[in-house]
Amino acid sequence: MKLPVFPFGAPAVAASALDSPGRRRFVAGLAAGGAIAGSGLWRGASAAPMAHTPRVLSGTEFDLDIGATQVNFTGRVRPAVTVNGSLPAPILRWREGDTVTLRVANRVREGMTSIHWHGLILPANMDGVPGLSFDGIRPGESYVYRFRVGQSGTYWYHSHSLFQEQAGLYGAIVIDPREPHPYRYDREHVLLLSDWTDLEPAALFHRLKQMSSYDNYYKRTVGDALRDVRDKGLAATLRDRGEWGRMRMTPTDLSDVNGHTYTYLLNGATPAGNWTGLFKPGEKVLLRFVNGSAMTYFDVRIPGLKMTVVAADGQPVHPVSVDEFRIAVAETYDVLVEPSGQDAYTIFCQDNARTGYVRGTLAVREGLEAEVPRTDPRPLLTMDDMGHGGMGGHGGHDMSNMKGMEGGCGGNMSGGGMSGGKSKGMEGGCGASMHGAGAKAGSMAGMDQGAMNSAPGGDPRLIDMRAMSVSPKLDDPGIGLRGNGRKVLTYSDLHSVFADPDGREPGREIELHLTGHMEKFAWSFDGQKFMGAEPIRLTYGERLRIVLVNDTMMTHPIHLHGLWSDLENDKQEFQVRKHTIDMPPGTRRSYRVRADALGRWAFHCHLLYHMEAGMMREVRVEE
């Protein structure tokens, strides 16, 4: 089948001229400039490449055609999956309270498709997850989504079929509120971040299964060992190497796929494309950031400008001024900036492994650009980052009032001398065990959760690691962002502008461990892959607490479909409403859920290849 060429794409002949690009050229792509010059991207007096902003579709009736389109981001023409021929897909602009109708047609000749409306509260059969919400959309067929829009803010949509999200099927959603925003702005821009690879996504997944460390270019060498012996001594160096070896990991293992494979995009533009958003001096500009990546965390800053965060995952928060923020996959942040005093500012978004970046520009006119910062030094992981920094605070916890605590898989209480006299209702569906001599849990609130990490059950062949000391780490800016001289947003800075919308205390707890095996690239909840796991069952109307414990060495953005995730502070009090909860290694975080939507819902890590590898569960809300 001959595919249409994406407007930014080079004609097919360009591919033949680039039959064997070097690896670095492959990943640098259009940043090198030469190849893209033939594609028609370069124009304007400055000869700078001009990026586009996705088309905005407004109203209540929409026709979205999912099709195959050729694109060119790296000098190679490659196939993509697009909506109405656009990558990213068009921005959908709705109004809170309206009922929208979206007729989605599958124009791809082979393969099912779907669209999931990320973060939206809607009926289960409108959620767009094949196998749970509906059967999917077959080639040549259409599906009509119709639902009332009951919220406002910045969200996004993407395919939930195979690897189509990686191949380009994602776009932003902006929902205007019925009531005015609690803040004022003069203009706005949507900034959708994503990662592109010329590889077939299925081939990339196969590569991860065969060699999960393929993109880890910076493993320590003999020279590093000799330096460590000199600086730290032989015993400390051997101990350090032994600890990392037992985890089958290196301290440079920050991401599974990074800039050595990906070309990072901002609104579908490469760094050389330099997407540009305009402003007039003195204006207050709202920037709606969406991380639509498959696997990439971005650290975002605009040198010379403070950013005031006013919304997280579409929901308003008390304003907080920062220099930088980390945006996990699937999260959204709305920030206000007030550019003045210079004509151009760089929007700099580097990946968390410091292997690449994408940039755009805020400018008073097209064609301008500001200095682009260098990427920060590559951080090294520590045992503390992995939850192996010590088990302090074990003893002395009273577990006399652990009513209603449930896990997924049959817990056992093995702490010597532990008092569990009133631990009624405590279940560990994951084989949860609670260790620690003399442990007492009391009311749970405020306890040292580092002492309470429980051992996941499940298939031991799927688990090669377990964090020994976990905590919420809500005030941690993240690996690579600590002490960098900039004010970096943390989860502890985020507070909803409203009180707990439900108001009830959770009636029970479900504890789940994020588990994995690095070498096998196997990911799961509680050591159970999606296909072999029983659904998590919630009773309609109940209020419960979900506790996540990250036993793995990687970060996971966890998304529960159909229901809000009300993140708690370290005292287990309501703090901020989100749809995606980021879980760095060695963390134990909790959130409240109101089971107010009947049906079958997906619950998964939003790193696309982690989900595909098994880190997914079904949640059923039943009467």
Foldseek 3Di string as FASTA:
>chain_A
DDAAAQLQAAPQVLQVVPVDPDLVLQLCACVVPPLSVRRPQQDDPLSFGADDFAAEDEDAEEEWEWEWYWHGRRSHTAIFIDIVSDFQHHEYEAEAFDKHKYKYAYQYPDDFKWKAWFLFFWAQLQRTADPFNHPTAGHGGIDMHITHGHAFFKAKMAINGDCNLQRGHMYIYGYHYPDDDPDDFDEEDEKEKEWHFRDDVVVVLVVCQQFQCVVLPDADDPVNLVVCCVVPNDVVSVVVVVVQVLLVHFQLCAWRDFSSGIFMDISRHGQSNAHEDEDDAQGKYKYKYFYSYQTWKKKKFKPPKWKWWQDKQGFGWDTDIWGIEIDDHRIMTIIIIRDHDDFKIKTWIATLQQPDTHIHMYGNDPPDYDDHDRGDDGFTDDCVLQLNPDQPPFADAAADALPFEEEQCAEAEDEALHHNNNNPNYGHHQNWYFYGHHHRCVVVFPHQCQNGGTDGHADVVFASWFRNGAAAPQVPRDTPPPPPPIGYDGNVRTFGPDADPVPDDANHEYEWEWGGRSNSLATAISHDFAVGDDAAEAEAFGKHKYKYAYGHQYKFWKFKPNWWWQWADSRRGGGHIHGIDIGRRRYITMTMTGRHHATKIKIATSNNSNVVNGGIHIYGHYD
